[in-house]
């Protein structure tokens, strides 16, 4: 009888001990979760209102530094109440992007101080080979453009041109919020690619087609990337864009980052994108290249070299990351093997 009593009691005692040792997990109070959501919603609403007011007063932000500041501000607001959010984390993670913009702007002064001559002929000769004797930009402007009248389709070209200043940072922001591993991979390649290009700008200043035409190295070429805004009377965007041209490095043409960044964006989004979105990305990359040629911004060879830089950068970082992963995987095995040997 004693045995039967003990047998009946043992499960209860074990259950009581288990309950004492491992209390059930508790959910955070519902009001805390609601507060986080309300705070983010209010913050994002205020952010959207401030952005809209800024656009009404100063126009659409086109300067890269301004776009980056707005993106970082939106990320700070979107991080309210999140365990890994906050101003410091946003600034720390996005500091490399700011460094890229600063270095890019400095390349103009460094190239001028070094006194490196501006290159014209190599790009022109390469494009003549590609164009079977004609420079593609000259041929396209002669056969497609009306130099005295802005045509409706030029608005699409202007939108494509401006997307260069917005899309790479918006994609980075989306990845930062949704997939930190993929964001880190994108950031490494973006920063490396941009610094490779900046070094080339200093060592090999290269004239774009519009400058080559201005210097009579090739027949007349006009710079038309901003003309499309006149279709919708958005002169503010046109003025801001042309002001940026006046202060930028006009001989930073090889490689074309305008062509390289869209290809890098396509690379980072490709693995998880549906087929129709992949088709849009291919169209975006090719359309960007066409726009750069017809508007006089880049020679075809500039674009091809930009794509080559992306390929080199992606392959190099893929090998480095594979080496990192292999080293991390070998560390536990090495420790286990050492312990087994000692025993």
C-alpha atoms as a PDB file:
ATOM      1  CA  UNK A   1       0.000   0.000   0.000  1.00  0.00           C
ATOM      2  CA  UNK A   2       2.887   2.267   0.762  1.00  0.00           C
ATOM      3  CA  UNK A   3       4.337   1.558  -2.665  1.00  0.00           C
ATOM      4  CA  UNK A   4       1.068   2.433  -4.326  1.00  0.00           C
ATOM      5  CA  UNK A   5       0.835   5.724  -2.452  1.00  0.00           C
ATOM      6  CA  UNK A   6       4.399   6.658  -3.457  1.00  0.00           C
ATOM      7  CA  UNK A   7       3.696   5.715  -7.058  1.00  0.00           C
ATOM      8  CA  UNK A   8       0.596   7.894  -7.101  1.00  0.00           C
ATOM      9  CA  UNK A   9       2.422  10.861  -5.553  1.00  0.00           C
ATOM     10  CA  UNK A  10       5.589  10.864  -7.700  1.00  0.00           C
ATOM     11  CA  UNK A  11       4.074  12.372 -10.858  1.00  0.00           C
ATOM     12  CA  UNK A  12       2.500  15.160  -8.821  1.00  0.00           C
ATOM     13  CA  UNK A  13       5.800  15.977  -7.076  1.00  0.00           C
ATOM     14  CA  UNK A  14       7.679  15.988 -10.402  1.00  0.00           C
ATOM     15  CA  UNK A  15       5.031  18.210 -11.878  1.00  0.00           C
ATOM     16  CA  UNK A  16       5.267  20.600  -8.933  1.00  0.00           C
ATOM     17  CA  UNK A  17       9.094  20.743  -9.220  1.00  0.00           C
ATOM     18  CA  UNK A  18       8.885  21.285 -12.986  1.00  0.00           C
ATOM     19  CA  UNK A  19       6.456  24.115 -12.458  1.00  0.00           C
ATOM     20  CA  UNK A  20       8.761  25.676  -9.892  1.00  0.00           C
ATOM     21  CA  UNK A  21      11.912  25.330 -12.001  1.00  0.00           C
ATOM     22  CA  UNK A  22      10.466  26.372 -15.390  1.00  0.00           C
ATOM     23  CA  UNK A  23       7.753  28.984 -15.034  1.00  0.00           C
ATOM     24  CA  UNK A  24       5.638  29.530 -18.126  1.00  0.00           C
ATOM     25  CA  UNK A  25       6.785  32.381 -20.359  1.00  0.00           C
ATOM     26  CA  UNK A  26       4.947  35.613 -19.874  1.00  0.00           C
ATOM     27  CA  UNK A  27       3.873  37.861 -22.734  1.00  0.00           C
ATOM     28  CA  UNK A  28       4.620  41.575 -22.506  1.00  0.00           C
ATOM     29  CA  UNK A  29       1.628  43.632 -21.433  1.00  0.00           C
ATOM     30  CA  UNK A  30      -0.671  44.440 -24.322  1.00  0.00           C
ATOM     31  CA  UNK A  31      -0.544  48.157 -23.504  1.00  0.00           C
ATOM     32  CA  UNK A  32       3.271  48.204 -24.061  1.00  0.00           C
ATOM     33  CA  UNK A  33       2.959  46.674 -27.525  1.00  0.00           C
ATOM     34  CA  UNK A  34       0.149  49.086 -28.368  1.00  0.00           C
ATOM     35  CA  UNK A  35       2.250  52.026 -27.142  1.00  0.00           C
ATOM     36  CA  UNK A  36       5.122  51.052 -29.453  1.00  0.00           C
ATOM     37  CA  UNK A  37       2.824  50.808 -32.433  1.00  0.00           C
ATOM     38  CA  UNK A  38       1.080  54.076 -31.657  1.00  0.00           C
ATOM     39  CA  UNK A  39       4.398  55.877 -31.165  1.00  0.00           C
ATOM     40  CA  UNK A  40       5.741  54.572 -34.498  1.00  0.00           C
ATOM     41  CA  UNK A  41       2.516  55.469 -36.299  1.00  0.00           C
ATOM     42  CA  UNK A  42       2.515  59.007 -34.885  1.00  0.00           C
ATOM     43  CA  UNK A  43       6.220  59.419 -35.633  1.00  0.00           C
ATOM     44  CA  UNK A  44       5.867  58.172 -39.222  1.00  0.00           C
ATOM     45  CA  UNK A  45       2.876  60.443 -39.735  1.00  0.00           C
ATOM     46  CA  UNK A  46       4.862  63.448 -38.512  1.00  0.00           C
ATOM     47  CA  UNK A  47       7.813  62.380 -40.688  1.00  0.00           C
ATOM     48  CA  UNK A  48       5.614  62.108 -43.784  1.00  0.00           C
ATOM     49  CA  UNK A  49       4.119  65.524 -43.051  1.00  0.00           C
ATOM     50  CA  UNK A  50       7.569  67.094 -42.671  1.00  0.00           C
ATOM     51  CA  UNK A  51       8.755  65.496 -45.929  1.00  0.00           C
ATOM     52  CA  UNK A  52       5.677  66.713 -47.786  1.00  0.00           C
ATOM     53  CA  UNK A  53       6.118  70.246 -46.405  1.00  0.00           C
ATOM     54  CA  UNK A  54       9.794  70.205 -47.404  1.00  0.00           C
ATOM     55  CA  UNK A  55       8.890  69.164 -50.951  1.00  0.00           C
ATOM     56  CA  UNK A  56       6.289  71.931 -51.166  1.00  0.00           C
ATOM     57  CA  UNK A  57       8.804  74.581 -50.081  1.00  0.00           C
ATOM     58  CA  UNK A  58      12.132  73.379 -51.542  1.00  0.00           C
ATOM     59  CA  UNK A  59      11.089  70.813 -54.124  1.00  0.00           C
ATOM     60  CA  UNK A  60      11.892  67.112 -54.418  1.00  0.00           C
ATOM     61  CA  UNK A  61      15.189  66.326 -52.618  1.00  0.00           C
ATOM     62  CA  UNK A  62      17.740  65.319 -55.230  1.00  0.00           C
ATOM     63  CA  UNK A  63      21.089  65.957 -53.543  1.00  0.00           C
ATOM     64  CA  UNK A  64      22.515  62.641 -52.326  1.00  0.00           C
ATOM     65  CA  UNK A  65      23.332  64.068 -48.903  1.00  0.00           C
ATOM     66  CA  UNK A  66      19.749  65.310 -48.502  1.00  0.00           C
ATOM     67  CA  UNK A  67      18.268  61.986 -49.619  1.00  0.00           C
ATOM     68  CA  UNK A  68      20.543  60.130 -47.195  1.00  0.00           C
ATOM     69  CA  UNK A  69      19.510  62.436 -44.337  1.00  0.00           C
ATOM     70  CA  UNK A  70      15.806  61.855 -45.047  1.00  0.00           C
ATOM     71  CA  UNK A  71      16.302  58.085 -45.279  1.00  0.00           C
ATOM     72  CA  UNK A  72      18.193  57.992 -41.969  1.00  0.00           C
ATOM     73  CA  UNK A  73      15.501  60.127 -40.335  1.00  0.00           C
ATOM     74  CA  UNK A  74      12.820  57.716 -41.519  1.00  0.00           C
ATOM     75  CA  UNK A  75      14.777  54.757 -40.140  1.00  0.00           C
ATOM     76  CA  UNK A  76      15.116  56.433 -36.735  1.00  0.00           C
ATOM     77  CA  UNK A  77      11.350  56.946 -36.609  1.00  0.00           C
ATOM     78  CA  UNK A  78      10.622  53.411 -37.857  1.00  0.00           C
ATOM     79  CA  UNK A  79      12.903  52.046 -35.106  1.00  0.00           C
ATOM     80  CA  UNK A  80      10.903  53.579 -32.225  1.00  0.00           C
ATOM     81  CA  UNK A  81      10.208  50.879 -29.653  1.00  0.00           C
ATOM     82  CA  UNK A  82      12.247  48.219 -31.435  1.00  0.00           C
ATOM     83  CA  UNK A  83      14.920  46.496 -29.311  1.00  0.00           C
ATOM     84  CA  UNK A  84      17.722  47.114 -31.814  1.00  0.00           C
ATOM     85  CA  UNK A  85      16.681  50.534 -33.024  1.00  0.00           C
ATOM     86  CA  UNK A  86      17.623  54.014 -32.013  1.00  0.00           C
ATOM     87  CA  UNK A  87      19.528  56.986 -33.315  1.00  0.00           C
ATOM     88  CA  UNK A  88      22.997  55.649 -32.461  1.00  0.00           C
ATOM     89  CA  UNK A  89      22.487  52.377 -34.316  1.00  0.00           C
ATOM     90  CA  UNK A  90      21.209  54.178 -37.418  1.00  0.00           C
ATOM     91  CA  UNK A  91      24.155  56.597 -37.413  1.00  0.00           C
ATOM     92  CA  UNK A  92      26.687  53.800 -36.833  1.00  0.00           C
ATOM     93  CA  UNK A  93      25.283  51.514 -39.534  1.00  0.00           C
ATOM     94  CA  UNK A  94      24.825  54.270 -42.109  1.00  0.00           C
ATOM     95  CA  UNK A  95      28.089  56.096 -41.537  1.00  0.00           C
ATOM     96  CA  UNK A  96      29.809  54.231 -44.436  1.00  0.00           C
ATOM     97  CA  UNK A  97      27.247  55.618 -46.890  1.00  0.00           C
ATOM     98  CA  UNK A  98      27.998  59.140 -45.701  1.00  0.00           C
ATOM     99  CA  UNK A  99      31.732  58.483 -46.063  1.00  0.00           C
ATOM    100  CA  UNK A 100      31.196  57.386 -49.672  1.00  0.00           C
ATOM    101  CA  UNK A 101      29.462  60.662 -50.526  1.00  0.00           C
ATOM    102  CA  UNK A 102      32.165  62.766 -48.857  1.00  0.00           C
ATOM    103  CA  UNK A 103      34.974  60.911 -50.632  1.00  0.00           C
ATOM    104  CA  UNK A 104      33.165  61.150 -53.969  1.00  0.00           C
ATOM    105  CA  UNK A 105      32.837  64.921 -53.603  1.00  0.00           C
ATOM    106  CA  UNK A 106      36.520  65.209 -52.671  1.00  0.00           C
ATOM    107  CA  UNK A 107      37.722  63.456 -55.818  1.00  0.00           C
ATOM    108  CA  UNK A 108      37.239  66.615 -57.857  1.00  0.00           C
ATOM    109  CA  UNK A 109      39.634  68.639 -55.706  1.00  0.00           C
ATOM    110  CA  UNK A 110      42.192  65.843 -55.478  1.00  0.00           C
ATOM    111  CA  UNK A 111      42.245  65.315 -59.255  1.00  0.00           C
ATOM    112  CA  UNK A 112      42.689  69.038 -59.811  1.00  0.00           C
ATOM    113  CA  UNK A 113      45.543  69.227 -57.270  1.00  0.00           C
ATOM    114  CA  UNK A 114      47.377  66.324 -58.893  1.00  0.00           C
ATOM    115  CA  UNK A 115      47.162  67.989 -62.267  1.00  0.00           C
ATOM    116  CA  UNK A 116      46.272  64.723 -63.994  1.00  0.00           C
ATOM    117  CA  UNK A 117      45.267  65.388 -67.613  1.00  0.00           C
ATOM    118  CA  UNK A 118      41.664  64.721 -68.625  1.00  0.00           C
ATOM    119  CA  UNK A 119      41.276  61.777 -71.001  1.00  0.00           C
ATOM    120  CA  UNK A 120      39.121  62.081 -74.124  1.00  0.00           C
ATOM    121  CA  UNK A 121      40.412  59.895 -76.936  1.00  0.00           C
ATOM    122  CA  UNK A 122      40.420  56.401 -75.331  1.00  0.00           C
ATOM    123  CA  UNK A 123      36.669  56.523 -74.619  1.00  0.00           C
ATOM    124  CA  UNK A 124      35.891  58.054 -78.013  1.00  0.00           C
ATOM    125  CA  UNK A 125      37.894  55.429 -79.903  1.00  0.00           C
ATOM    126  CA  UNK A 126      36.369  52.596 -77.869  1.00  0.00           C
ATOM    127  CA  UNK A 127      32.849  53.877 -78.581  1.00  0.00           C
ATOM    128  CA  UNK A 128      33.616  54.149 -82.289  1.00  0.00           C
ATOM    129  CA  UNK A 129      34.475  50.458 -82.271  1.00  0.00           C
ATOM    130  CA  UNK A 130      31.244  49.678 -80.403  1.00  0.00           C
ATOM    131  CA  UNK A 131      29.218  51.934 -82.729  1.00  0.00           C
ATOM    132  CA  UNK A 132      30.808  50.598 -85.967  1.00  0.00           C
ATOM    133  CA  UNK A 133      32.507  53.903 -86.715  1.00  0.00           C
ATOM    134  CA  UNK A 134      30.012  56.252 -85.030  1.00  0.00           C
ATOM    135  CA  UNK A 135      30.021  57.452 -81.426  1.00  0.00           C
ATOM    136  CA  UNK A 136      26.636  56.106 -80.166  1.00  0.00           C
ATOM    137  CA  UNK A 137      25.786  59.294 -78.259  1.00  0.00           C
ATOM    138  CA  UNK A 138      26.392  61.472 -81.325  1.00  0.00           C
ATOM    139  CA  UNK A 139      24.380  59.123 -83.568  1.00  0.00           C
ATOM    140  CA  UNK A 140      21.433  58.913 -81.117  1.00  0.00           C
ATOM    141  CA  UNK A 141      21.217  62.650 -80.536  1.00  0.00           C
ATOM    142  CA  UNK A 142      21.416  63.339 -84.275  1.00  0.00           C
ATOM    143  CA  UNK A 143      18.633  60.867 -85.139  1.00  0.00           C
ATOM    144  CA  UNK A 144      16.354  61.000 -82.090  1.00  0.00           C
ATOM    145  CA  UNK A 145      16.566  64.399 -80.417  1.00  0.00           C
ATOM    146  CA  UNK A 146      15.016  67.695 -81.334  1.00  0.00           C
ATOM    147  CA  UNK A 147      17.587  70.131 -79.939  1.00  0.00           C
ATOM    148  CA  UNK A 148      15.076  73.006 -79.864  1.00  0.00           C
ATOM    149  CA  UNK A 149      12.017  71.269 -78.393  1.00  0.00           C
ATOM    150  CA  UNK A 150      11.589  68.991 -75.356  1.00  0.00           C
ATOM    151  CA  UNK A 151       9.691  65.818 -76.270  1.00  0.00           C
ATOM    152  CA  UNK A 152       7.273  63.989 -73.955  1.00  0.00           C
ATOM    153  CA  UNK A 153       9.401  60.842 -73.558  1.00  0.00           C
ATOM    154  CA  UNK A 154      12.282  62.865 -72.155  1.00  0.00           C
ATOM    155  CA  UNK A 155      10.453  62.938 -68.806  1.00  0.00           C
ATOM    156  CA  UNK A 156      11.133  59.191 -68.470  1.00  0.00           C
ATOM    157  CA  UNK A 157      14.836  59.842 -69.049  1.00  0.00           C
ATOM    158  CA  UNK A 158      14.915  62.529 -66.346  1.00  0.00           C
ATOM    159  CA  UNK A 159      13.142  60.239 -63.867  1.00  0.00           C
ATOM    160  CA  UNK A 160      15.615  57.461 -64.636  1.00  0.00           C
ATOM    161  CA  UNK A 161      18.539  59.825 -64.107  1.00  0.00           C
ATOM    162  CA  UNK A 162      17.264  61.039 -60.722  1.00  0.00           C
ATOM    163  CA  UNK A 163      16.520  57.484 -59.535  1.00  0.00           C
ATOM    164  CA  UNK A 164      20.303  57.042 -59.227  1.00  0.00           C
ATOM    165  CA  UNK A 165      20.268  59.426 -56.255  1.00  0.00           C
ATOM    166  CA  UNK A 166      17.348  57.692 -54.501  1.00  0.00           C
ATOM    167  CA  UNK A 167      16.976  53.980 -55.325  1.00  0.00           C
ATOM    168  CA  UNK A 168      20.284  52.641 -53.863  1.00  0.00           C
ATOM    169  CA  UNK A 169      19.600  54.266 -50.490  1.00  0.00           C
ATOM    170  CA  UNK A 170      15.920  53.290 -50.358  1.00  0.00           C
ATOM    171  CA  UNK A 171      16.863  49.665 -51.086  1.00  0.00           C
ATOM    172  CA  UNK A 172      19.501  49.827 -48.349  1.00  0.00           C
ATOM    173  CA  UNK A 173      16.887  51.170 -45.912  1.00  0.00           C
ATOM    174  CA  UNK A 174      14.442  48.371 -46.802  1.00  0.00           C
ATOM    175  CA  UNK A 175      17.136  45.734 -46.288  1.00  0.00           C
ATOM    176  CA  UNK A 176      18.200  47.355 -42.993  1.00  0.00           C
ATOM    177  CA  UNK A 177      14.676  46.923 -41.658  1.00  0.00           C
ATOM    178  CA  UNK A 178      13.950  43.476 -43.141  1.00  0.00           C
ATOM    179  CA  UNK A 179      17.169  41.487 -43.645  1.00  0.00           C
ATOM    180  CA  UNK A 180      20.302  42.635 -41.799  1.00  0.00           C
ATOM    181  CA  UNK A 181      22.529  39.895 -43.250  1.00  0.00           C
ATOM    182  CA  UNK A 182      21.656  40.848 -46.800  1.00  0.00           C
ATOM    183  CA  UNK A 183      21.986  44.535 -45.857  1.00  0.00           C
ATOM    184  CA  UNK A 184      25.533  43.896 -44.608  1.00  0.00           C
ATOM    185  CA  UNK A 185      26.446  42.126 -47.846  1.00  0.00           C
ATOM    186  CA  UNK A 186      25.017  45.007 -49.882  1.00  0.00           C
ATOM    187  CA  UNK A 187      26.797  47.638 -47.778  1.00  0.00           C
ATOM    188  CA  UNK A 188      30.194  45.968 -48.141  1.00  0.00           C
ATOM    189  CA  UNK A 189      29.897  45.860 -51.902  1.00  0.00           C
ATOM    190  CA  UNK A 190      28.389  49.324 -52.238  1.00  0.00           C
ATOM    191  CA  UNK A 191      31.129  50.993 -50.206  1.00  0.00           C
ATOM    192  CA  UNK A 192      33.926  48.992 -51.857  1.00  0.00           C
ATOM    193  CA  UNK A 193      32.565  49.675 -55.340  1.00  0.00           C
ATOM    194  CA  UNK A 194      32.261  53.392 -54.626  1.00  0.00           C
ATOM    195  CA  UNK A 195      35.797  53.675 -53.248  1.00  0.00           C
ATOM    196  CA  UNK A 196      37.176  51.741 -56.235  1.00  0.00           C
ATOM    197  CA  UNK A 197      35.416  54.208 -58.509  1.00  0.00           C
ATOM    198  CA  UNK A 198      36.628  57.213 -56.493  1.00  0.00           C
ATOM    199  CA  UNK A 199      40.235  56.041 -56.798  1.00  0.00           C
ATOM    200  CA  UNK A 200      39.781  55.695 -60.556  1.00  0.00           C
ATOM    201  CA  UNK A 201      38.305  59.198 -60.798  1.00  0.00           C
ATOM    202  CA  UNK A 202      41.482  60.577 -59.228  1.00  0.00           C
ATOM    203  CA  UNK A 203      43.939  58.508 -61.262  1.00  0.00           C
ATOM    204  CA  UNK A 204      42.077  58.638 -64.569  1.00  0.00           C
ATOM    205  CA  UNK A 205      39.942  61.777 -65.020  1.00  0.00           C
ATOM    206  CA  UNK A 206      37.735  61.108 -68.029  1.00  0.00           C
ATOM    207  CA  UNK A 207      35.484  63.440 -70.004  1.00  0.00           C
ATOM    208  CA  UNK A 208      31.849  62.473 -70.639  1.00  0.00           C
ATOM    209  CA  UNK A 209      30.385  62.911 -74.138  1.00  0.00           C
ATOM    210  CA  UNK A 210      28.830  66.336 -73.461  1.00  0.00           C
ATOM    211  CA  UNK A 211      32.216  67.693 -72.339  1.00  0.00           C
ATOM    212  CA  UNK A 212      33.986  66.062 -75.290  1.00  0.00           C
ATOM    213  CA  UNK A 213      31.475  67.746 -77.598  1.00  0.00           C
ATOM    214  CA  UNK A 214      32.001  71.074 -75.867  1.00  0.00           C
ATOM    215  CA  UNK A 215      35.759  70.738 -76.420  1.00  0.00           C
ATOM    216  CA  UNK A 216      35.196  69.803 -80.112  1.00  0.00           C
ATOM    217  CA  UNK A 217      36.655  66.323 -79.656  1.00  0.00           C
ATOM    218  CA  UNK A 218      33.438  64.935 -81.167  1.00  0.00           C
ATOM    219  CA  UNK A 219      30.482  66.577 -82.970  1.00  0.00           C
ATOM    220  CA  UNK A 220      27.996  68.555 -80.929  1.00  0.00           C
ATOM    221  CA  UNK A 221      26.476  66.800 -77.923  1.00  0.00           C
ATOM    222  CA  UNK A 222      24.108  68.469 -75.456  1.00  0.00           C
ATOM    223  CA  UNK A 223      23.472  67.456 -71.859  1.00  0.00           C
ATOM    224  CA  UNK A 224      19.759  66.651 -71.730  1.00  0.00           C
ATOM    225  CA  UNK A 225      19.151  64.588 -68.583  1.00  0.00           C
ATOM    226  CA  UNK A 226      17.315  67.447 -66.859  1.00  0.00           C
ATOM    227  CA  UNK A 227      15.176  68.605 -69.806  1.00  0.00           C
ATOM    228  CA  UNK A 228      12.319  66.193 -69.119  1.00  0.00           C
ATOM    229  CA  UNK A 229      11.209  68.049 -65.998  1.00  0.00           C
ATOM    230  CA  UNK A 230      10.005  70.881 -68.219  1.00  0.00           C
ATOM    231  CA  UNK A 231       7.211  68.593 -69.454  1.00  0.00           C
ATOM    232  CA  UNK A 232       5.511  68.815 -66.047  1.00  0.00           C
ATOM    233  CA  UNK A 233       6.806  72.330 -65.255  1.00  0.00           C
ATOM    234  CA  UNK A 234       8.943  70.979 -62.415  1.00  0.00           C
ATOM    235  CA  UNK A 235      11.624  73.614 -62.819  1.00  0.00           C
ATOM    236  CA  UNK A 236      12.742  73.291 -59.188  1.00  0.00           C
ATOM    237  CA  UNK A 237      13.980  69.753 -59.790  1.00  0.00           C
ATOM    238  CA  UNK A 238      15.720  70.876 -62.975  1.00  0.00           C
ATOM    239  CA  UNK A 239      17.411  73.784 -61.203  1.00  0.00           C
ATOM    240  CA  UNK A 240      18.569  71.642 -58.264  1.00  0.00           C
ATOM    241  CA  UNK A 241      19.922  68.992 -60.607  1.00  0.00           C
ATOM    242  CA  UNK A 242      21.860  71.527 -62.657  1.00  0.00           C
ATOM    243  CA  UNK A 243      23.179  73.177 -59.484  1.00  0.00           C
ATOM    244  CA  UNK A 244      24.519  69.769 -58.461  1.00  0.00           C
ATOM    245  CA  UNK A 245      26.243  69.476 -61.831  1.00  0.00           C
ATOM    246  CA  UNK A 246      28.023  72.772 -61.210  1.00  0.00           C
ATOM    247  CA  UNK A 247      29.541  71.525 -57.950  1.00  0.00           C
ATOM    248  CA  UNK A 248      30.224  67.882 -58.884  1.00  0.00           C
ATOM    249  CA  UNK A 249      33.265  66.219 -60.408  1.00  0.00           C
ATOM    250  CA  UNK A 250      32.498  66.555 -64.122  1.00  0.00           C
ATOM    251  CA  UNK A 251      35.388  64.272 -65.128  1.00  0.00           C
ATOM    252  CA  UNK A 252      34.298  61.376 -62.895  1.00  0.00           C
ATOM    253  CA  UNK A 253      33.034  59.383 -65.870  1.00  0.00           C
ATOM    254  CA  UNK A 254      35.028  56.127 -65.751  1.00  0.00           C
ATOM    255  CA  UNK A 255      33.571  53.947 -64.355  1.00  0.00           C
ATOM    256  CA  UNK A 256      29.939  55.039 -64.533  1.00  0.00           C
ATOM    257  CA  UNK A 257      28.495  54.715 -61.027  1.00  0.00           C
ATOM    258  CA  UNK A 258      25.184  55.766 -62.555  1.00  0.00           C
ATOM    259  CA  UNK A 259      25.265  52.414 -64.379  1.00  0.00           C
ATOM    260  CA  UNK A 260      27.014  50.422 -61.649  1.00  0.00           C
ATOM    261  CA  UNK A 261      24.691  51.096 -58.721  1.00  0.00           C
ATOM    262  CA  UNK A 262      21.511  49.824 -60.467  1.00  0.00           C
ATOM    263  CA  UNK A 263      23.307  46.574 -61.323  1.00  0.00           C
ATOM    264  CA  UNK A 264      24.361  46.185 -57.684  1.00  0.00           C
ATOM    265  CA  UNK A 265      20.769  46.822 -56.576  1.00  0.00           C
ATOM    266  CA  UNK A 266      19.601  44.130 -59.004  1.00  0.00           C
ATOM    267  CA  UNK A 267      22.202  41.727 -57.589  1.00  0.00           C
ATOM    268  CA  UNK A 268      21.087  42.175 -53.975  1.00  0.00           C
ATOM    269  CA  UNK A 269      17.358  41.849 -54.750  1.00  0.00           C
ATOM    270  CA  UNK A 270      17.624  39.074 -57.335  1.00  0.00           C
ATOM    271  CA  UNK A 271      17.692  35.906 -55.143  1.00  0.00           C
ATOM    272  CA  UNK A 272      14.303  36.481 -53.482  1.00  0.00           C
ATOM    273  CA  UNK A 273      12.543  38.385 -56.268  1.00  0.00           C
ATOM    274  CA  UNK A 274       9.726  36.841 -58.368  1.00  0.00           C
ATOM    275  CA  UNK A 275      10.289  36.461 -62.102  1.00  0.00           C
ATOM    276  CA  UNK A 276       8.296  39.563 -63.033  1.00  0.00           C
ATOM    277  CA  UNK A 277      10.316  41.745 -60.652  1.00  0.00           C
ATOM    278  CA  UNK A 278      13.546  40.309 -62.034  1.00  0.00           C
ATOM    279  CA  UNK A 279      12.360  41.315 -65.490  1.00  0.00           C
ATOM    280  CA  UNK A 280      11.774  44.861 -64.233  1.00  0.00           C
ATOM    281  CA  UNK A 281      15.272  44.964 -62.721  1.00  0.00           C
ATOM    282  CA  UNK A 282      16.862  43.881 -66.004  1.00  0.00           C
ATOM    283  CA  UNK A 283      14.823  46.535 -67.805  1.00  0.00           C
ATOM    284  CA  UNK A 284      15.890  49.140 -65.231  1.00  0.00           C
ATOM    285  CA  UNK A 285      19.592  48.352 -65.621  1.00  0.00           C
ATOM    286  CA  UNK A 286      19.462  48.410 -69.431  1.00  0.00           C
ATOM    287  CA  UNK A 287      17.249  51.508 -69.546  1.00  0.00           C
ATOM    288  CA  UNK A 288      19.651  53.334 -67.255  1.00  0.00           C
ATOM    289  CA  UNK A 289      22.507  52.526 -69.616  1.00  0.00           C
ATOM    290  CA  UNK A 290      20.535  53.740 -72.646  1.00  0.00           C
ATOM    291  CA  UNK A 291      19.550  56.951 -70.851  1.00  0.00           C
ATOM    292  CA  UNK A 292      23.167  57.716 -69.932  1.00  0.00           C
ATOM    293  CA  UNK A 293      24.274  57.343 -73.545  1.00  0.00           C
ATOM    294  CA  UNK A 294      21.512  59.295 -75.256  1.00  0.00           C
ATOM    295  CA  UNK A 295      21.614  62.195 -72.764  1.00  0.00           C
ATOM    296  CA  UNK A 296      25.367  62.658 -73.210  1.00  0.00           C
ATOM    297  CA  UNK A 297      26.247  61.677 -69.655  1.00  0.00           C
ATOM    298  CA  UNK A 298      28.454  58.675 -70.451  1.00  0.00           C
ATOM    299  CA  UNK A 299      30.110  56.829 -73.273  1.00  0.00           C
ATOM    300  CA  UNK A 300      29.087  53.199 -73.731  1.00  0.00           C
ATOM    301  CA  UNK A 301      32.548  52.078 -72.588  1.00  0.00           C
ATOM    302  CA  UNK A 302      32.046  53.970 -69.290  1.00  0.00           C
ATOM    303  CA  UNK A 303      28.923  51.891 -68.644  1.00  0.00           C
ATOM    304  CA  UNK A 304      30.575  48.586 -69.519  1.00  0.00           C
ATOM    305  CA  UNK A 305      33.492  49.379 -67.205  1.00  0.00           C
ATOM    306  CA  UNK A 306      31.011  50.259 -64.447  1.00  0.00           C
ATOM    307  CA  UNK A 307      29.346  46.863 -64.829  1.00  0.00           C
ATOM    308  CA  UNK A 308      32.773  45.211 -64.809  1.00  0.00           C
ATOM    309  CA  UNK A 309      33.599  46.936 -61.512  1.00  0.00           C
ATOM    310  CA  UNK A 310      30.387  45.520 -60.023  1.00  0.00           C
ATOM    311  CA  UNK A 311      31.282  42.008 -61.158  1.00  0.00           C
ATOM    312  CA  UNK A 312      34.792  42.253 -59.667  1.00  0.00           C
ATOM    313  CA  UNK A 313      33.482  43.673 -56.399  1.00  0.00           C
ATOM    314  CA  UNK A 314      30.727  41.061 -56.026  1.00  0.00           C
ATOM    315  CA  UNK A 315      33.021  38.141 -56.808  1.00  0.00           C
ATOM    316  CA  UNK A 316      35.754  39.381 -54.467  1.00  0.00           C
ATOM    317  CA  UNK A 317      33.382  39.838 -51.530  1.00  0.00           C
ATOM    318  CA  UNK A 318      31.668  36.513 -52.218  1.00  0.00           C
ATOM    319  CA  UNK A 319      35.029  34.749 -51.904  1.00  0.00           C
ATOM    320  CA  UNK A 320      35.902  36.687 -48.734  1.00  0.00           C
ATOM    321  CA  UNK A 321      32.532  35.912 -47.122  1.00  0.00           C
ATOM    322  CA  UNK A 322      32.855  32.232 -48.051  1.00  0.00           C
ATOM    323  CA  UNK A 323      36.278  32.216 -46.388  1.00  0.00           C
ATOM    324  CA  UNK A 324      34.815  33.877 -43.277  1.00  0.00           C
ATOM    325  CA  UNK A 325      32.043  31.289 -43.045  1.00  0.00           C
ATOM    326  CA  UNK A 326      34.494  28.415 -43.490  1.00  0.00           C
ATOM    327  CA  UNK A 327      36.745  29.791 -40.769  1.00  0.00           C
ATOM    328  CA  UNK A 328      33.833  30.147 -38.328  1.00  0.00           C
ATOM    329  CA  UNK A 329      32.663  26.603 -39.072  1.00  0.00           C
ATOM    330  CA  UNK A 330      36.163  25.162 -38.566  1.00  0.00           C
ATOM    331  CA  UNK A 331      36.692  26.796 -35.164  1.00  0.00           C
ATOM    332  CA  UNK A 332      34.288  24.583 -33.134  1.00  0.00           C
ATOM    333  CA  UNK A 333      35.544  21.451 -34.909  1.00  0.00           C
ATOM    334  CA  UNK A 334      39.158  22.366 -34.161  1.00  0.00           C
ATOM    335  CA  UNK A 335      38.350  22.859 -30.480  1.00  0.00           C
ATOM    336  CA  UNK A 336      36.528  19.550 -30.312  1.00  0.00           C
ATOM    337  CA  UNK A 337      39.375  17.751 -32.057  1.00  0.00           C
ATOM    338  CA  UNK A 338      41.880  19.255 -29.600  1.00  0.00           C
ATOM    339  CA  UNK A 339      39.814  18.166 -26.594  1.00  0.00           C
ATOM    340  CA  UNK A 340      39.493  14.660 -28.025  1.00  0.00           C
ATOM    341  CA  UNK A 341      43.252  14.474 -28.610  1.00  0.00           C
ATOM    342  CA  UNK A 342      44.040  15.594 -25.041  1.00  0.00           C
ATOM    343  CA  UNK A 343      41.638  13.056 -23.547  1.00  0.00           C
END
